[in-house]
Amino acid sequence: MRLFVTGASGHIGSAVVPDLLAAGHRVVGLARSDASATALTAAGVEVRRGSLDDLDGLREAAPDADAVRASKRMFCRAARASIQRTPSSSRRE
């Protein structure tokens, strides 16, 4: 599954993205800075440069995604379920 994650290098995103990758998902992360983009690329994330204020950039990145993780919620039950099945997952519900 291809997932678009805003805040991928932030506090919550940095905890969610490794679990998504470990579960076999393809992650596209939004990065505002060069440092964030470099870190995400090194982790195996496809990077889209921009911010939440860049509506054109968001429109370009999001349509190809099967799900979008924005703010503090995951908007896809299938991705969430696969994360919970991953032994290294730190998410418990």
Protein backbone atom coordinates (compact mmCIF):
# COMPACT_ATOMS: atom_id res chain seq x y z
CA MET A 1 0.00 0.00 0.00
CA ARG A 2 1.25 3.48 -0.85
CA LEU A 3 0.83 5.90 2.06
CA PHE A 4 1.29 9.66 2.06
CA VAL A 5 2.46 10.93 5.45
CA THR A 6 2.52 14.60 6.34
CA GLY A 7 4.90 15.41 9.17
CA ALA A 8 6.84 12.25 8.36
CA SER A 9 9.97 13.49 10.15
CA GLY A 10 8.10 15.01 13.10
CA HIS A 11 7.44 13.60 16.55
CA ILE A 12 4.56 11.33 15.59
CA GLY A 13 5.61 10.72 12.00
CA SER A 14 9.05 9.52 13.04
CA ALA A 15 7.37 6.87 15.19
CA VAL A 16 4.79 5.84 12.57
CA VAL A 17 6.96 5.74 9.43
CA PRO A 18 9.33 2.94 10.55
CA ASP A 19 6.33 0.77 11.44
CA LEU A 20 4.73 1.43 8.06
CA LEU A 21 7.95 0.53 6.26
CA ALA A 22 8.40 -2.59 8.39
CA ALA A 23 4.87 -3.65 7.48
CA GLY A 24 5.86 -3.48 3.81
CA HIS A 25 4.13 -0.25 2.86
CA ARG A 26 5.53 2.29 0.42
CA VAL A 27 5.75 5.60 2.26
CA VAL A 28 5.74 9.05 0.67
CA GLY A 29 6.71 11.67 3.24
CA LEU A 30 6.24 15.41 3.18
CA ALA A 31 9.44 17.24 4.15
CA ARG A 32 9.87 20.98 4.67
CA SER A 33 13.65 21.09 5.12
CA ASP A 34 16.74 19.61 3.47
CA ALA A 35 17.62 17.86 6.73
CA SER A 36 14.20 16.22 6.95
CA ALA A 37 14.35 15.18 3.31
CA THR A 38 17.79 13.64 3.78
CA ALA A 39 16.72 11.71 6.89
CA LEU A 40 13.56 10.41 5.24
CA THR A 41 15.42 9.35 2.10
CA ALA A 42 17.96 7.47 4.22
CA ALA A 43 15.09 5.65 5.95
CA GLY A 44 13.68 4.49 2.60
CA VAL A 45 10.89 7.05 2.26
CA GLU A 46 10.00 8.69 -1.05
CA VAL A 47 10.21 12.42 -0.29
CA ARG A 48 7.93 15.19 -1.47
CA ARG A 49 9.24 18.64 -0.57
CA GLY A 50 6.70 21.16 0.66
CA SER A 51 4.48 22.12 3.54
CA LEU A 52 0.83 21.91 4.52
CA ASP A 53 0.46 25.44 3.17
CA ASP A 54 1.48 24.27 -0.32
CA LEU A 55 -1.90 23.06 -1.59
CA ASP A 56 -0.62 22.41 -5.12
CA GLY A 57 2.14 20.19 -3.76
CA LEU A 58 -0.32 18.29 -1.58
CA ARG A 59 -2.64 17.81 -4.55
CA GLU A 60 0.24 16.34 -6.54
CA ALA A 61 1.38 13.96 -3.79
CA ALA A 62 -1.89 12.71 -2.32
CA PRO A 63 -3.86 11.37 -5.32
CA ASP A 64 -1.50 8.43 -5.85
CA ALA A 65 -1.75 7.37 -2.21
CA ASP A 66 -3.98 4.59 -0.95
CA ALA A 67 -4.16 6.38 2.40
CA VAL A 68 -3.08 9.63 4.01
CA ARG A 69 -1.73 10.07 7.52
CA ALA A 70 -2.13 13.64 8.62
CA SER A 71 -2.02 15.19 12.06
CA LYS A 72 -2.56 12.49 14.70
CA ARG A 73 -4.86 10.10 12.84
CA MET A 74 -4.33 7.29 10.37
CA PHE A 75 -7.12 7.35 7.81
CA CYS A 76 -6.87 3.80 6.61
CA ARG A 77 -7.96 0.74 8.61
CA ALA A 78 -6.00 -1.69 6.43
CA ALA A 79 -2.70 0.09 7.03
CA ARG A 80 -3.46 0.38 10.74
CA ALA A 81 -4.24 -3.32 11.00
CA SER A 82 -1.03 -4.30 9.23
CA ILE A 83 1.00 -2.11 11.61
CA GLN A 84 -0.57 -3.82 14.60
CA ARG A 85 0.47 -7.21 13.20
CA THR A 86 4.11 -6.13 12.89
CA PRO A 87 6.10 -7.57 15.85
CA SER A 88 8.33 -4.48 16.14
CA SER A 89 5.35 -2.15 16.25
CA SER A 90 5.21 0.27 19.12
CA ARG A 91 1.49 0.93 18.56
CA ARG A 92 -0.86 -0.97 20.83
CA GLU A 93 -4.63 -0.51 20.80
